[in-house]
């Protein structure tokens, strides 16, 4: 997404927990884009990052919340409380921290779209991934509730990215994940769809277009 948004002329700012990955992206795109290694569960760190971004570029026109982890495939009764808590902290708490960090500036600016990444499992379920499914259902509810709080000119949208050949998908589908589109292929159609969202989409659940 970052590469495709930049290719289309957007100023892209982003964070991720993996120092190596985010540093590589920062070097590849360079200025004026801003990338930092940050854990989205760290509220103070997210607010510090938002200040850097807002001071440099102003309030976001598009805030994409896509950080997520999935549990090791197992029945719910076999998943530790620590693993369950961590999944909720990233998949829901991280979105909350991001919204708290960026939304006030977006409200002051009078426009902007918040996109919270959902999933097919935000409206369906599967065995052995109950914690992940629960958080994605939670994103759908959180987003719709947020949409009722936003002032005119802003929007909150739940975005189902579809099925993409990622490490996360491979943890569930194994080698079968290779039959789905790569992140690079996906971004060519998904990013324009994200870029086209506006205030009229407030409260909606959107699925990324297929190739």
N, C-alpha and C. Protein backbone atom coordinates (compact mmCIF):
# COMPACT_ATOMS: atom_id res chain seq x y z
N UNK A 1 0.82 -1.21 0.00
CA UNK A 1 0.00 0.00 0.00
C UNK A 1 0.85 1.26 0.00
N UNK A 2 1.88 1.27 0.84
CA UNK A 2 2.72 2.47 0.93
C UNK A 2 3.35 2.79 -0.42
N UNK A 3 3.88 1.78 -1.06
CA UNK A 3 4.54 1.99 -2.36
C UNK A 3 3.54 2.46 -3.41
N UNK A 4 2.35 1.89 -3.41
CA UNK A 4 1.36 2.25 -4.43
C UNK A 4 0.80 3.64 -4.18
N UNK A 5 0.54 3.99 -2.92
CA UNK A 5 0.08 5.34 -2.62
C UNK A 5 1.14 6.36 -3.03
N UNK A 6 2.40 6.08 -2.73
CA UNK A 6 3.48 7.00 -3.11
C UNK A 6 3.57 7.12 -4.62
N UNK A 7 3.42 6.02 -5.33
CA UNK A 7 3.48 6.04 -6.79
C UNK A 7 2.38 6.92 -7.37
N UNK A 8 1.25 6.97 -6.67
CA UNK A 8 0.12 7.78 -7.13
C UNK A 8 0.21 9.23 -6.68
N UNK A 9 1.30 9.58 -5.98
CA UNK A 9 1.53 10.97 -5.62
C UNK A 9 1.14 11.37 -4.22
N UNK A 10 0.76 10.41 -3.37
CA UNK A 10 0.39 10.72 -2.00
C UNK A 10 1.64 10.89 -1.13
N UNK A 11 1.55 11.71 -0.10
CA UNK A 11 2.54 11.73 0.96
C UNK A 11 2.15 10.64 1.96
N UNK A 12 3.02 9.68 2.15
CA UNK A 12 2.69 8.50 2.94
C UNK A 12 3.46 8.52 4.25
N UNK A 13 2.75 8.35 5.34
CA UNK A 13 3.37 8.26 6.66
C UNK A 13 2.88 6.97 7.30
N UNK A 14 3.78 6.23 7.92
CA UNK A 14 3.34 4.97 8.48
C UNK A 14 4.25 4.46 9.57
N UNK A 15 3.73 3.48 10.30
CA UNK A 15 4.52 2.87 11.36
C UNK A 15 4.29 1.37 11.36
N UNK A 16 5.26 0.66 11.91
CA UNK A 16 5.18 -0.78 12.09
C UNK A 16 6.13 -1.17 13.20
N UNK A 17 5.92 -2.35 13.78
CA UNK A 17 6.76 -2.76 14.89
C UNK A 17 8.15 -3.23 14.45
N UNK A 18 8.26 -3.71 13.21
CA UNK A 18 9.51 -4.31 12.76
C UNK A 18 10.47 -3.23 12.26
N UNK A 19 11.53 -3.00 13.00
CA UNK A 19 12.50 -1.95 12.68
C UNK A 19 13.10 -2.15 11.29
N UNK A 20 13.48 -3.37 10.97
CA UNK A 20 14.14 -3.64 9.68
C UNK A 20 13.21 -3.33 8.51
N UNK A 21 11.98 -3.80 8.60
CA UNK A 21 11.04 -3.58 7.51
C UNK A 21 10.70 -2.12 7.31
N UNK A 22 10.46 -1.40 8.40
CA UNK A 22 10.08 0.01 8.27
C UNK A 22 11.25 0.85 7.82
N UNK A 23 12.48 0.48 8.22
CA UNK A 23 13.67 1.21 7.78
C UNK A 23 13.90 1.03 6.28
N UNK A 24 13.68 -0.18 5.80
CA UNK A 24 13.82 -0.45 4.37
C UNK A 24 12.83 0.39 3.56
N UNK A 25 11.61 0.48 4.05
CA UNK A 25 10.59 1.26 3.36
C UNK A 25 10.94 2.75 3.39
N UNK A 26 11.42 3.21 4.52
CA UNK A 26 11.80 4.62 4.64
C UNK A 26 12.93 4.96 3.68
N UNK A 27 13.90 4.07 3.54
CA UNK A 27 15.01 4.31 2.62
C UNK A 27 14.55 4.27 1.17
N UNK A 28 13.62 3.38 0.86
CA UNK A 28 13.15 3.25 -0.52
C UNK A 28 12.35 4.47 -0.96
N UNK A 29 11.50 4.99 -0.09
CA UNK A 29 10.64 6.11 -0.47
C UNK A 29 11.25 7.47 -0.16
N UNK A 30 12.00 7.57 0.93
CA UNK A 30 12.67 8.83 1.25
C UNK A 30 11.70 9.96 1.56
N UNK A 31 12.23 11.18 1.56
CA UNK A 31 11.45 12.38 1.85
C UNK A 31 10.47 12.64 0.71
N UNK A 32 9.27 13.15 1.00
CA UNK A 32 8.76 13.69 2.28
C UNK A 32 8.05 12.66 3.14
N UNK A 33 8.08 11.40 2.73
CA UNK A 33 7.36 10.36 3.46
C UNK A 33 8.03 10.11 4.82
N UNK A 34 7.22 9.74 5.81
CA UNK A 34 7.71 9.54 7.17
C UNK A 34 7.33 8.14 7.65
N UNK A 35 8.32 7.38 8.10
CA UNK A 35 8.08 6.04 8.63
C UNK A 35 8.85 5.86 9.92
N UNK A 36 8.20 5.28 10.93
CA UNK A 36 8.82 5.06 12.22
C UNK A 36 8.48 3.66 12.72
N UNK A 37 9.40 3.06 13.45
CA UNK A 37 9.15 1.78 14.12
C UNK A 37 8.42 2.05 15.43
N UNK A 38 7.16 1.66 15.50
CA UNK A 38 6.31 1.95 16.66
C UNK A 38 5.37 0.77 16.89
N UNK A 39 5.14 0.46 18.14
CA UNK A 39 4.15 -0.54 18.53
C UNK A 39 2.82 0.18 18.73
N UNK A 40 1.81 -0.19 17.96
CA UNK A 40 0.53 0.52 18.04
C UNK A 40 -0.16 0.35 19.38
N UNK A 41 0.28 -0.62 20.18
CA UNK A 41 -0.33 -0.77 21.51
C UNK A 41 0.24 0.23 22.51
N UNK A 42 1.27 0.96 22.11
CA UNK A 42 1.89 1.98 22.97
C UNK A 42 1.24 3.33 22.69
N UNK A 43 0.32 3.73 23.54
CA UNK A 43 -0.46 4.95 23.31
C UNK A 43 0.43 6.19 23.25
N UNK A 44 1.41 6.28 24.13
CA UNK A 44 2.30 7.44 24.13
C UNK A 44 3.10 7.52 22.84
N UNK A 45 3.58 6.38 22.38
CA UNK A 45 4.35 6.34 21.14
C UNK A 45 3.50 6.75 19.95
N UNK A 46 2.24 6.32 19.93
CA UNK A 46 1.36 6.69 18.83
C UNK A 46 1.08 8.19 18.83
N UNK A 47 0.91 8.78 20.01
CA UNK A 47 0.68 10.22 20.07
C UNK A 47 1.94 10.99 19.65
N UNK A 48 3.11 10.48 19.99
CA UNK A 48 4.35 11.13 19.56
C UNK A 48 4.48 11.05 18.05
N UNK A 49 4.15 9.90 17.48
CA UNK A 49 4.22 9.73 16.02
C UNK A 49 3.23 10.66 15.33
N UNK A 50 2.03 10.76 15.86
CA UNK A 50 1.02 11.63 15.23
C UNK A 50 1.48 13.09 15.23
N UNK A 51 2.15 13.51 16.29
CA UNK A 51 2.64 14.89 16.34
C UNK A 51 3.68 15.14 15.26
N UNK A 52 4.58 14.17 15.05
CA UNK A 52 5.59 14.29 14.00
C UNK A 52 4.92 14.44 12.64
N UNK A 53 3.94 13.58 12.38
CA UNK A 53 3.24 13.58 11.09
C UNK A 53 2.45 14.87 10.89
N UNK A 54 1.69 15.25 11.89
CA UNK A 54 0.84 16.44 11.77
C UNK A 54 1.67 17.71 11.65
N UNK A 55 2.77 17.78 12.40
CA UNK A 55 3.64 18.95 12.29
C UNK A 55 4.25 19.06 10.90
N UNK A 56 4.52 17.92 10.27
CA UNK A 56 5.16 17.92 8.95
C UNK A 56 4.16 18.10 7.81
N UNK A 57 3.01 17.45 7.92
CA UNK A 57 2.09 17.40 6.77
C UNK A 57 0.66 17.81 7.07
N UNK A 58 0.36 18.12 8.32
CA UNK A 58 -1.02 18.44 8.67
C UNK A 58 -1.81 17.17 8.96
N UNK A 59 -3.09 17.33 9.22
CA UNK A 59 -3.96 16.20 9.54
C UNK A 59 -4.10 15.27 8.33
N UNK A 60 -4.19 13.97 8.57
CA UNK A 60 -4.32 13.03 7.45
C UNK A 60 -5.63 13.22 6.69
N UNK A 61 -5.56 13.09 5.38
CA UNK A 61 -6.78 12.98 4.57
C UNK A 61 -7.35 11.57 4.65
N UNK A 62 -6.45 10.60 4.84
CA UNK A 62 -6.84 9.19 4.90
C UNK A 62 -6.00 8.52 5.98
N UNK A 63 -6.66 8.01 7.00
CA UNK A 63 -6.00 7.29 8.09
C UNK A 63 -6.33 5.82 7.96
N UNK A 64 -5.34 5.00 7.64
CA UNK A 64 -5.54 3.57 7.42
C UNK A 64 -5.01 2.80 8.62
N UNK A 65 -5.91 2.11 9.31
CA UNK A 65 -5.54 1.30 10.47
C UNK A 65 -5.58 -0.18 10.07
N UNK A 66 -4.41 -0.75 9.79
CA UNK A 66 -4.38 -2.13 9.30
C UNK A 66 -3.49 -3.05 10.12
N UNK A 67 -2.93 -2.57 11.24
CA UNK A 67 -2.10 -3.44 12.07
C UNK A 67 -2.95 -4.56 12.66
N UNK A 68 -2.46 -5.79 12.54
CA UNK A 68 -3.21 -6.93 13.09
C UNK A 68 -2.29 -8.14 13.22
N UNK A 69 -2.59 -8.97 14.19
CA UNK A 69 -1.93 -10.26 14.34
C UNK A 69 -3.01 -11.33 14.46
N UNK A 70 -2.62 -12.57 14.24
CA UNK A 70 -3.57 -13.69 14.33
C UNK A 70 -3.03 -14.70 15.32
N UNK A 71 -3.92 -15.41 15.97
CA UNK A 71 -3.50 -16.43 16.92
C UNK A 71 -2.94 -17.65 16.21
N UNK A 72 -2.10 -18.39 16.90
CA UNK A 72 -1.69 -19.70 16.40
C UNK A 72 -2.92 -20.58 16.33
N UNK A 73 -3.13 -21.23 15.20
CA UNK A 73 -4.34 -22.01 15.00
C UNK A 73 -4.55 -23.01 16.14
N UNK A 74 -5.66 -22.85 16.84
CA UNK A 74 -5.95 -23.74 17.97
C UNK A 74 -7.38 -23.49 18.42
N UNK A 75 -8.01 -24.51 19.03
CA UNK A 75 -9.32 -24.28 19.63
C UNK A 75 -9.23 -23.20 20.71
N UNK A 76 -10.30 -22.46 20.89
CA UNK A 76 -10.32 -21.35 21.83
C UNK A 76 -9.90 -21.80 23.23
N UNK A 77 -10.32 -22.98 23.64
CA UNK A 77 -10.00 -23.45 24.99
C UNK A 77 -8.50 -23.67 25.20
N UNK A 78 -7.74 -23.80 24.09
CA UNK A 78 -6.31 -24.05 24.20
C UNK A 78 -5.47 -22.78 24.03
N UNK A 79 -6.11 -21.66 23.81
CA UNK A 79 -5.38 -20.39 23.62
C UNK A 79 -5.21 -19.73 24.98
N UNK A 80 -3.97 -19.34 25.28
CA UNK A 80 -3.68 -18.75 26.58
C UNK A 80 -4.32 -17.37 26.71
N UNK A 81 -4.53 -16.95 27.94
CA UNK A 81 -5.09 -15.62 28.16
C UNK A 81 -4.12 -14.55 27.68
N UNK A 82 -2.80 -14.82 27.77
CA UNK A 82 -1.80 -13.86 27.30
C UNK A 82 -1.90 -13.66 25.80
N UNK A 83 -2.04 -14.76 25.04
CA UNK A 83 -2.14 -14.66 23.59
C UNK A 83 -3.43 -13.94 23.20
N UNK A 84 -4.53 -14.29 23.85
CA UNK A 84 -5.82 -13.65 23.55
C UNK A 84 -5.74 -12.15 23.82
N UNK A 85 -5.18 -11.79 24.97
CA UNK A 85 -5.08 -10.38 25.34
C UNK A 85 -4.22 -9.61 24.35
N UNK A 86 -3.14 -10.21 23.89
CA UNK A 86 -2.24 -9.54 22.94
C UNK A 86 -2.93 -9.29 21.60
N UNK A 87 -3.71 -10.25 21.15
CA UNK A 87 -4.43 -10.09 19.88
C UNK A 87 -5.44 -8.95 19.97
N UNK A 88 -6.17 -8.90 21.07
CA UNK A 88 -7.14 -7.81 21.26
C UNK A 88 -6.42 -6.46 21.37
N UNK A 89 -5.28 -6.46 22.07
CA UNK A 89 -4.54 -5.21 22.26
C UNK A 89 -4.05 -4.63 20.94
N UNK A 90 -3.60 -5.48 20.02
CA UNK A 90 -3.12 -5.01 18.72
C UNK A 90 -4.29 -4.69 17.79
N UNK A 91 -5.18 -5.67 17.62
CA UNK A 91 -6.19 -5.57 16.58
C UNK A 91 -7.30 -4.56 16.87
N UNK A 92 -7.59 -4.35 18.14
CA UNK A 92 -8.59 -3.35 18.53
C UNK A 92 -7.96 -2.18 19.28
N UNK A 93 -7.12 -2.48 20.26
CA UNK A 93 -6.48 -1.40 21.02
C UNK A 93 -5.60 -0.53 20.15
N UNK A 94 -4.91 -1.13 19.18
CA UNK A 94 -4.06 -0.34 18.29
C UNK A 94 -4.86 0.63 17.45
N UNK A 95 -6.01 0.20 16.99
CA UNK A 95 -6.89 1.10 16.23
C UNK A 95 -7.38 2.24 17.12
N UNK A 96 -7.74 1.91 18.34
CA UNK A 96 -8.20 2.94 19.28
C UNK A 96 -7.10 3.97 19.51
N UNK A 97 -5.87 3.51 19.73
CA UNK A 97 -4.75 4.44 19.96
C UNK A 97 -4.52 5.33 18.74
N UNK A 98 -4.61 4.76 17.55
CA UNK A 98 -4.42 5.54 16.33
C UNK A 98 -5.51 6.60 16.17
N UNK A 99 -6.74 6.21 16.42
CA UNK A 99 -7.85 7.16 16.30
C UNK A 99 -7.70 8.29 17.32
N UNK A 100 -7.35 7.94 18.55
CA UNK A 100 -7.15 8.96 19.58
C UNK A 100 -6.03 9.93 19.20
N UNK A 101 -5.00 9.40 18.53
CA UNK A 101 -3.84 10.22 18.19
C UNK A 101 -4.10 11.17 17.02
N UNK A 102 -4.91 10.74 16.06
CA UNK A 102 -5.06 11.51 14.82
C UNK A 102 -6.41 12.21 14.66
N UNK A 103 -7.46 11.67 15.26
CA UNK A 103 -8.80 12.20 14.98
C UNK A 103 -8.98 13.67 15.39
N UNK A 104 -8.47 14.12 16.54
CA UNK A 104 -8.68 15.54 16.88
C UNK A 104 -8.20 16.50 15.79
N UNK A 105 -7.05 16.22 15.20
CA UNK A 105 -6.54 17.09 14.13
C UNK A 105 -7.41 16.99 12.89
N UNK A 106 -7.93 15.79 12.60
CA UNK A 106 -8.81 15.63 11.45
C UNK A 106 -10.11 16.39 11.66
N UNK A 107 -10.63 16.35 12.89
CA UNK A 107 -11.86 17.11 13.19
C UNK A 107 -11.61 18.61 13.06
N UNK A 108 -10.47 19.07 13.52
CA UNK A 108 -10.14 20.50 13.40
C UNK A 108 -10.01 20.91 11.94
N UNK A 109 -9.55 19.97 11.12
CA UNK A 109 -9.37 20.26 9.69
C UNK A 109 -10.69 20.18 8.93
N UNK A 110 -11.65 19.46 9.49
CA UNK A 110 -12.98 19.41 8.89
C UNK A 110 -13.17 18.37 7.81
N UNK A 111 -12.18 17.49 7.61
CA UNK A 111 -12.35 16.43 6.61
C UNK A 111 -11.39 15.29 6.89
N UNK A 112 -11.63 14.18 6.22
CA UNK A 112 -10.76 13.02 6.35
C UNK A 112 -11.55 11.73 6.49
N UNK A 113 -10.92 10.65 6.10
CA UNK A 113 -11.54 9.32 6.16
C UNK A 113 -10.67 8.41 7.01
N UNK A 114 -11.30 7.74 7.95
CA UNK A 114 -10.62 6.72 8.77
C UNK A 114 -11.04 5.35 8.25
N UNK A 115 -10.07 4.55 7.86
CA UNK A 115 -10.34 3.21 7.34
C UNK A 115 -9.78 2.19 8.32
N UNK A 116 -10.65 1.37 8.87
CA UNK A 116 -10.24 0.30 9.78
C UNK A 116 -10.33 -1.03 9.05
N UNK A 117 -9.22 -1.73 8.97
CA UNK A 117 -9.20 -2.98 8.21
C UNK A 117 -9.96 -4.07 8.95
N UNK A 118 -10.95 -4.59 8.29
CA UNK A 118 -11.75 -5.71 8.78
C UNK A 118 -11.26 -6.99 8.08
N UNK A 119 -12.18 -7.86 7.71
CA UNK A 119 -11.81 -9.15 7.13
C UNK A 119 -13.09 -9.84 6.69
N UNK A 120 -12.95 -10.89 5.86
CA UNK A 120 -14.11 -11.76 5.64
C UNK A 120 -14.56 -12.33 6.98
N UNK A 121 -13.60 -12.51 7.88
CA UNK A 121 -13.92 -13.01 9.21
C UNK A 121 -14.44 -11.91 10.12
N UNK A 122 -14.75 -10.75 9.58
CA UNK A 122 -15.47 -9.73 10.33
C UNK A 122 -16.97 -9.92 10.25
N UNK A 123 -17.40 -10.82 9.36
CA UNK A 123 -18.82 -11.15 9.22
C UNK A 123 -19.06 -12.64 9.11
N UNK A 124 -18.02 -13.44 9.36
CA UNK A 124 -18.13 -14.88 9.31
C UNK A 124 -17.15 -15.45 10.35
N UNK A 125 -17.10 -16.77 10.45
CA UNK A 125 -16.24 -17.39 11.45
C UNK A 125 -15.58 -18.64 10.90
N UNK A 126 -14.57 -19.10 11.61
CA UNK A 126 -13.92 -20.36 11.29
C UNK A 126 -13.36 -20.94 12.58
N UNK A 127 -13.22 -22.25 12.61
CA UNK A 127 -12.63 -22.90 13.78
C UNK A 127 -11.16 -22.52 13.91
N UNK A 128 -10.67 -22.50 15.13
CA UNK A 128 -9.25 -22.33 15.46
C UNK A 128 -8.72 -20.92 15.29
N UNK A 129 -9.57 -19.97 14.92
CA UNK A 129 -9.14 -18.56 14.82
C UNK A 129 -10.14 -17.65 15.53
N UNK A 130 -10.74 -18.15 16.60
CA UNK A 130 -11.79 -17.38 17.30
C UNK A 130 -11.31 -16.02 17.78
N UNK A 131 -10.11 -15.88 18.36
CA UNK A 131 -9.70 -14.54 18.81
C UNK A 131 -9.59 -13.55 17.66
N UNK A 132 -9.03 -13.98 16.55
CA UNK A 132 -8.92 -13.10 15.38
C UNK A 132 -10.29 -12.71 14.87
N UNK A 133 -11.18 -13.70 14.72
CA UNK A 133 -12.54 -13.40 14.26
C UNK A 133 -13.22 -12.41 15.19
N UNK A 134 -13.06 -12.61 16.49
CA UNK A 134 -13.71 -11.72 17.46
C UNK A 134 -13.25 -10.28 17.28
N UNK A 135 -11.95 -10.08 17.03
CA UNK A 135 -11.47 -8.71 16.86
C UNK A 135 -11.98 -8.10 15.55
N UNK A 136 -12.10 -8.90 14.51
CA UNK A 136 -12.57 -8.35 13.24
C UNK A 136 -14.07 -8.04 13.29
N UNK A 137 -14.83 -8.86 13.99
CA UNK A 137 -16.23 -8.49 14.25
C UNK A 137 -16.26 -7.21 15.07
N UNK A 138 -15.35 -7.09 16.02
CA UNK A 138 -15.27 -5.89 16.84
C UNK A 138 -14.97 -4.65 16.03
N UNK A 139 -14.11 -4.78 15.02
CA UNK A 139 -13.79 -3.65 14.16
C UNK A 139 -15.02 -3.16 13.42
N UNK A 140 -15.84 -4.09 12.97
CA UNK A 140 -17.08 -3.69 12.28
C UNK A 140 -17.96 -2.86 13.21
N UNK A 141 -18.14 -3.32 14.45
CA UNK A 141 -18.97 -2.59 15.40
C UNK A 141 -18.35 -1.27 15.82
N UNK A 142 -17.05 -1.28 16.09
CA UNK A 142 -16.36 -0.06 16.48
C UNK A 142 -16.48 1.00 15.39
N UNK A 143 -16.30 0.59 14.14
CA UNK A 143 -16.32 1.54 13.04
C UNK A 143 -17.71 2.15 12.85
N UNK A 144 -18.74 1.32 12.93
CA UNK A 144 -20.10 1.85 12.77
C UNK A 144 -20.45 2.80 13.91
N UNK A 145 -20.04 2.45 15.12
CA UNK A 145 -20.30 3.35 16.25
C UNK A 145 -19.55 4.66 16.09
N UNK A 146 -18.27 4.57 15.70
CA UNK A 146 -17.48 5.79 15.47
C UNK A 146 -18.12 6.67 14.42
N UNK A 147 -18.67 6.06 13.39
CA UNK A 147 -19.26 6.84 12.29
C UNK A 147 -20.41 7.72 12.78
N UNK A 148 -21.06 7.29 13.87
CA UNK A 148 -22.19 8.05 14.42
C UNK A 148 -21.71 9.22 15.29
N UNK A 149 -20.43 9.23 15.61
CA UNK A 149 -19.87 10.29 16.46
C UNK A 149 -19.17 11.39 15.66
N UNK A 150 -18.87 11.11 14.41
CA UNK A 150 -18.04 12.02 13.63
C UNK A 150 -18.82 13.23 13.14
N UNK A 151 -18.18 14.38 13.07
CA UNK A 151 -18.83 15.57 12.51
C UNK A 151 -18.92 15.48 11.00
N UNK A 152 -19.72 16.33 10.42
CA UNK A 152 -19.86 16.39 8.97
C UNK A 152 -18.51 16.62 8.32
N UNK A 153 -18.27 15.91 7.21
CA UNK A 153 -17.01 16.05 6.49
C UNK A 153 -16.04 14.91 6.74
N UNK A 154 -16.28 14.13 7.81
CA UNK A 154 -15.42 12.99 8.12
C UNK A 154 -16.18 11.69 7.89
N UNK A 155 -15.43 10.60 7.80
CA UNK A 155 -16.03 9.29 7.61
C UNK A 155 -15.20 8.23 8.29
N UNK A 156 -15.88 7.19 8.77
CA UNK A 156 -15.24 5.97 9.26
C UNK A 156 -15.76 4.81 8.44
N UNK A 157 -14.86 4.00 7.91
CA UNK A 157 -15.22 2.92 7.00
C UNK A 157 -14.51 1.64 7.44
N UNK A 158 -15.24 0.54 7.48
CA UNK A 158 -14.64 -0.78 7.70
C UNK A 158 -14.30 -1.36 6.33
N UNK A 159 -13.06 -1.79 6.16
CA UNK A 159 -12.57 -2.20 4.84
C UNK A 159 -12.13 -3.66 4.89
N UNK A 160 -12.80 -4.49 4.12
CA UNK A 160 -12.43 -5.90 3.98
C UNK A 160 -11.45 -6.02 2.82
N UNK A 161 -10.18 -6.34 3.09
CA UNK A 161 -9.20 -6.35 2.01
C UNK A 161 -9.31 -7.53 1.07
N UNK A 162 -10.13 -8.53 1.44
CA UNK A 162 -10.18 -9.73 0.62
C UNK A 162 -9.08 -10.71 1.05
N UNK A 163 -8.79 -11.67 0.20
CA UNK A 163 -7.83 -12.72 0.53
C UNK A 163 -6.53 -12.46 -0.23
N UNK A 164 -5.44 -12.31 0.52
CA UNK A 164 -4.15 -11.93 -0.05
C UNK A 164 -3.10 -12.94 0.42
N UNK A 165 -2.16 -13.26 -0.43
CA UNK A 165 -1.08 -14.20 -0.10
C UNK A 165 -0.06 -13.51 0.81
N UNK A 166 -0.33 -13.57 2.12
CA UNK A 166 0.56 -12.97 3.11
C UNK A 166 1.02 -14.05 4.09
N UNK A 167 1.98 -13.69 4.94
CA UNK A 167 2.44 -14.62 5.98
C UNK A 167 1.28 -15.02 6.89
N UNK A 168 0.39 -14.05 7.17
CA UNK A 168 -0.75 -14.35 8.03
C UNK A 168 -1.66 -15.39 7.39
N UNK A 169 -1.93 -15.24 6.08
CA UNK A 169 -2.78 -16.21 5.40
C UNK A 169 -2.12 -17.58 5.37
N UNK A 170 -0.81 -17.62 5.16
CA UNK A 170 -0.09 -18.89 5.13
C UNK A 170 -0.15 -19.61 6.47
N UNK A 171 -0.28 -18.85 7.56
CA UNK A 171 -0.40 -19.49 8.87
C UNK A 171 -1.70 -20.27 8.99
N UNK A 172 -2.68 -19.93 8.16
CA UNK A 172 -3.97 -20.63 8.17
C UNK A 172 -4.12 -21.58 6.99
N UNK A 173 -3.70 -21.12 5.80
CA UNK A 173 -3.95 -21.86 4.57
C UNK A 173 -2.76 -22.67 4.10
N UNK A 174 -1.59 -22.48 4.72
CA UNK A 174 -0.39 -23.17 4.27
C UNK A 174 -0.03 -22.76 2.85
N UNK A 175 0.47 -23.71 2.07
CA UNK A 175 0.88 -23.41 0.69
C UNK A 175 -0.30 -23.03 -0.19
N UNK A 176 -1.50 -23.34 0.25
CA UNK A 176 -2.68 -22.95 -0.52
C UNK A 176 -2.83 -21.45 -0.66
N UNK A 177 -2.16 -20.69 0.20
CA UNK A 177 -2.22 -19.23 0.11
C UNK A 177 -1.64 -18.71 -1.19
N UNK A 178 -0.74 -19.48 -1.79
CA UNK A 178 -0.08 -19.05 -3.03
C UNK A 178 -1.05 -18.91 -4.19
N UNK A 179 -2.23 -19.47 -4.08
CA UNK A 179 -3.21 -19.37 -5.17
C UNK A 179 -3.92 -18.02 -5.18
N UNK A 180 -3.69 -17.21 -4.14
CA UNK A 180 -4.33 -15.90 -4.06
C UNK A 180 -3.36 -14.81 -4.51
N UNK A 181 -3.86 -13.61 -4.74
CA UNK A 181 -3.05 -12.53 -5.27
C UNK A 181 -1.98 -12.08 -4.27
N UNK A 182 -0.88 -11.61 -4.81
CA UNK A 182 0.20 -11.10 -3.98
C UNK A 182 -0.18 -9.72 -3.44
N UNK A 183 0.49 -9.25 -2.39
CA UNK A 183 0.22 -7.90 -1.89
C UNK A 183 0.41 -6.83 -2.96
N UNK A 184 1.41 -7.01 -3.82
CA UNK A 184 1.67 -6.03 -4.88
C UNK A 184 0.52 -5.99 -5.88
N UNK A 185 0.03 -7.17 -6.27
CA UNK A 185 -1.11 -7.23 -7.19
C UNK A 185 -2.35 -6.63 -6.54
N UNK A 186 -2.57 -6.98 -5.29
CA UNK A 186 -3.73 -6.49 -4.56
C UNK A 186 -3.73 -4.97 -4.48
N UNK A 187 -2.58 -4.38 -4.20
CA UNK A 187 -2.49 -2.93 -3.98
C UNK A 187 -2.88 -2.14 -5.22
N UNK A 188 -2.67 -2.69 -6.40
CA UNK A 188 -2.95 -1.95 -7.63
C UNK A 188 -4.43 -1.64 -7.79
N UNK A 189 -5.30 -2.48 -7.21
CA UNK A 189 -6.74 -2.19 -7.28
C UNK A 189 -7.27 -1.68 -5.94
N UNK A 190 -6.70 -2.14 -4.84
CA UNK A 190 -7.20 -1.75 -3.52
C UNK A 190 -6.87 -0.31 -3.19
N UNK A 191 -5.67 0.14 -3.53
CA UNK A 191 -5.28 1.51 -3.18
C UNK A 191 -6.16 2.55 -3.87
N UNK A 192 -6.44 2.44 -5.17
CA UNK A 192 -7.38 3.40 -5.77
C UNK A 192 -8.76 3.37 -5.11
N UNK A 193 -9.19 2.18 -4.67
CA UNK A 193 -10.48 2.10 -3.98
C UNK A 193 -10.44 2.84 -2.65
N UNK A 194 -9.34 2.69 -1.93
CA UNK A 194 -9.17 3.41 -0.67
C UNK A 194 -9.11 4.93 -0.92
N UNK A 195 -8.38 5.30 -1.94
CA UNK A 195 -8.20 6.73 -2.24
C UNK A 195 -9.51 7.39 -2.66
N UNK A 196 -10.46 6.62 -3.15
CA UNK A 196 -11.73 7.19 -3.63
C UNK A 196 -12.76 7.37 -2.53
N UNK A 197 -12.50 6.86 -1.33
CA UNK A 197 -13.46 6.98 -0.24
C UNK A 197 -13.60 8.44 0.20
N UNK A 198 -14.82 8.83 0.55
CA UNK A 198 -15.03 10.19 1.04
C UNK A 198 -16.12 10.19 2.11
N UNK A 199 -16.55 11.36 2.51
CA UNK A 199 -17.49 11.48 3.63
C UNK A 199 -18.83 10.80 3.36
N UNK A 200 -19.17 10.61 2.10
CA UNK A 200 -20.45 9.94 1.79
C UNK A 200 -20.40 8.46 2.13
N UNK A 201 -19.21 7.91 2.38
CA UNK A 201 -19.05 6.50 2.71
C UNK A 201 -19.12 6.25 4.21
N UNK A 202 -19.37 7.28 5.00
CA UNK A 202 -19.36 7.15 6.46
C UNK A 202 -20.28 6.03 6.93
N UNK A 203 -19.74 5.14 7.77
CA UNK A 203 -20.50 4.06 8.35
C UNK A 203 -20.63 2.82 7.49
N UNK A 204 -20.00 2.83 6.33
CA UNK A 204 -20.16 1.70 5.41
C UNK A 204 -19.09 0.63 5.65
N UNK A 205 -19.38 -0.56 5.17
CA UNK A 205 -18.41 -1.66 5.13
C UNK A 205 -18.12 -1.92 3.66
N UNK A 206 -16.86 -1.81 3.29
CA UNK A 206 -16.45 -1.88 1.89
C UNK A 206 -15.51 -3.06 1.69
N UNK A 207 -15.66 -3.75 0.58
CA UNK A 207 -14.76 -4.85 0.22
C UNK A 207 -13.87 -4.42 -0.93
N UNK A 208 -12.59 -4.71 -0.83
CA UNK A 208 -11.66 -4.34 -1.89
C UNK A 208 -12.07 -5.01 -3.20
N UNK A 209 -11.94 -4.27 -4.33
CA UNK A 209 -12.28 -4.88 -5.62
C UNK A 209 -11.32 -6.01 -5.95
N UNK A 210 -11.83 -7.05 -6.61
CA UNK A 210 -10.99 -8.17 -7.00
C UNK A 210 -10.27 -7.82 -8.30
N UNK A 211 -9.20 -8.56 -8.58
CA UNK A 211 -8.43 -8.30 -9.81
C UNK A 211 -9.26 -8.67 -11.03
